[in-house]
Structures are given as structure tokens and as C-alpha cells.
């Protein structure tokens, strides 16, 4: 089981980036018993472990990102064909992660929040 303090640090980082981006409607949640962030009841990001983030992402964008930066983005058999990709949190910088969180929010948030 992952060290809760490591998960707390990862979640604090995500919250800080979401706040800096000004993404409305993002709230703490759980997804599959993992700490997560959700918008309108939909998980947009959750911690798989202290160094791995699962993020909502359209399959076509996921494939492109994995091709461009396989050191940052990946999937396991569980995510193949699904709108979820995995991110190495210990390798991705805040600027790139912030962009991915924004994309996940755009993908997951209802239209009324996007206005």
C-alpha cells in the first residue's frame, strides 16, 4: 500500500496546479478508492500510487502524447482503448502537468462550467 504522506504530496501538487489554472468546479474525490480530483461528479485525475497519476484523456490525444513523450505518458492493459492515460509524476514538470490537467478538465467538465 502506498505511503499516505506521498499520496498527500501528490494530491497537494495537483490541487495547487488546478488552483493556479483557475479550473472551476474541481473538488477532492475518490476514484476506485484512490485520492482523486473530480468535476461535476466525474473523476478527471486520480493517484494510482505516489509516482503515477491516471488522467482523463481522449484516446487519440493519449496515443499522440505517448508517442511524443513515452518517458512521461504510458498505459497498461487496463487503459488500452479507454479515455485514460498514466503519467509518471516523478518525471513531469509542473508546467506540462498543468497543461494536462487543463486538458482533462476540458474533456470532463460540463459545458456550463466552460463558459
Protein backbone atom coordinates (compact mmCIF):
# COMPACT_ATOMS: atom_id res chain seq x y z
CA UNK A 1 0.00 0.00 0.00
CA UNK A 2 1.39 3.44 -0.88
CA UNK A 3 2.60 5.75 1.86
CA UNK A 4 -0.30 8.17 2.55
CA UNK A 5 2.15 11.07 3.00
CA UNK A 6 3.45 10.55 -0.53
CA UNK A 7 -0.11 10.50 -1.83
CA UNK A 8 -0.90 13.67 0.11
CA UNK A 9 2.09 15.42 -1.52
CA UNK A 10 0.95 14.34 -4.96
CA UNK A 11 -2.60 15.48 -4.32
CA UNK A 12 -1.37 18.80 -2.90
CA UNK A 13 0.64 19.33 -6.10
CA UNK A 14 -2.43 18.62 -8.25
CA UNK A 15 -4.60 20.95 -6.17
CA UNK A 16 -2.01 23.73 -6.41
CA UNK A 17 -1.85 23.42 -10.20
CA UNK A 18 -5.65 23.27 -10.58
CA UNK A 19 -5.99 26.38 -8.41
CA UNK A 20 -3.29 28.23 -10.36
CA UNK A 21 -5.13 27.39 -13.60
CA UNK A 22 -8.43 28.59 -12.15
CA UNK A 23 -10.34 25.46 -13.17
CA UNK A 24 -13.86 25.86 -11.77
CA UNK A 25 -15.80 23.04 -10.17
CA UNK A 26 -12.83 20.80 -9.34
CA UNK A 27 -13.28 19.10 -5.97
CA UNK A 28 -11.49 16.41 -3.97
CA UNK A 29 -12.92 12.95 -4.54
CA UNK A 30 -12.05 9.28 -4.59
CA UNK A 31 -11.91 7.02 -7.59
CA UNK A 32 -11.50 3.28 -7.16
CA UNK A 33 -10.56 4.01 -3.51
CA UNK A 34 -7.75 6.35 -4.63
CA UNK A 35 -7.43 10.07 -3.89
CA UNK A 36 -8.80 11.97 -6.87
CA UNK A 37 -10.00 15.24 -8.30
CA UNK A 38 -13.41 15.40 -9.93
CA UNK A 39 -15.58 17.86 -11.80
CA UNK A 40 -19.36 17.53 -11.86
CA UNK A 41 -19.10 14.03 -10.37
CA UNK A 42 -16.59 12.79 -12.95
CA UNK A 43 -13.04 11.89 -11.94
CA UNK A 44 -10.53 13.78 -14.03
CA UNK A 45 -7.38 12.65 -12.19
CA UNK A 46 -6.53 10.08 -9.53
CA UNK A 47 -3.37 8.82 -7.89
CA UNK A 48 -2.53 5.21 -8.71
CA UNK A 49 0.48 5.45 -6.40
CA UNK A 50 2.86 8.15 -5.20
CA UNK A 51 4.53 8.43 -8.63
CA UNK A 52 1.69 7.58 -11.01
CA UNK A 53 -1.32 9.67 -11.96
CA UNK A 54 -4.26 8.41 -14.01
CA UNK A 55 -5.76 11.24 -16.06
CA UNK A 56 -8.88 11.54 -18.19
CA UNK A 57 -7.76 11.98 -21.78
CA UNK A 58 -9.31 11.23 -25.18
CA UNK A 59 -7.78 8.12 -26.74
CA UNK A 60 -6.48 9.97 -29.82
CA UNK A 61 -4.71 12.59 -27.69
CA UNK A 62 -3.35 9.86 -25.39
CA UNK A 63 -1.81 7.98 -28.29
CA UNK A 64 -0.18 11.16 -29.60
CA UNK A 65 1.23 12.11 -26.18
CA UNK A 66 2.57 8.59 -25.59
CA UNK A 67 4.29 8.70 -28.99
CA UNK A 68 5.81 12.13 -28.35
CA UNK A 69 6.85 11.60 -24.71
CA UNK A 70 6.89 7.91 -23.74
CA UNK A 71 9.07 8.79 -20.75
CA UNK A 72 6.14 10.78 -19.28
CA UNK A 73 2.96 9.17 -20.61
CA UNK A 74 2.04 5.49 -20.74
CA UNK A 75 -0.73 2.96 -20.31
CA UNK A 76 -1.15 -0.58 -19.06
CA UNK A 77 -3.53 -3.18 -20.42
CA UNK A 78 -6.27 -1.67 -18.22
CA UNK A 79 -6.17 1.67 -20.09
CA UNK A 80 -5.87 0.39 -23.68
CA UNK A 81 -8.76 1.79 -25.70
CA UNK A 82 -10.02 3.85 -22.77
CA UNK A 83 -10.05 7.62 -22.27
CA UNK A 84 -7.42 7.39 -19.52
CA UNK A 85 -3.64 7.68 -19.61
CA UNK A 86 -0.99 7.28 -16.96
CA UNK A 87 1.62 9.89 -16.11
CA UNK A 88 4.95 9.50 -14.31
CA UNK A 89 4.52 12.21 -11.67
CA UNK A 90 8.16 11.96 -10.66
CA UNK A 91 9.25 12.88 -14.22
CA UNK A 92 6.77 15.51 -15.37
CA UNK A 93 7.29 19.20 -14.64
CA UNK A 94 4.60 21.44 -13.22
CA UNK A 95 4.07 23.37 -16.46
CA UNK A 96 3.43 20.22 -18.51
CA UNK A 97 1.28 18.67 -15.77
CA UNK A 98 -0.73 21.88 -15.52
CA UNK A 99 -1.46 21.69 -19.25
CA UNK A 100 -2.55 18.06 -18.97
CA UNK A 101 -4.85 18.88 -16.04
CA UNK A 102 -6.41 21.68 -18.07
CA UNK A 103 -6.96 19.28 -20.98
CA UNK A 104 -8.52 16.71 -18.62
CA UNK A 105 -10.82 19.41 -17.24
CA UNK A 106 -11.83 20.48 -20.77
CA UNK A 107 -12.55 16.82 -21.59
CA UNK A 108 -14.53 16.12 -18.39
CA UNK A 109 -16.27 19.36 -17.39
CA UNK A 110 -19.85 20.06 -18.45
CA UNK A 111 -20.39 22.88 -20.96
CA UNK A 112 -21.96 25.17 -18.35
CA UNK A 113 -18.65 25.28 -16.42
CA UNK A 114 -16.62 26.01 -19.53
CA UNK A 115 -18.38 29.33 -20.18
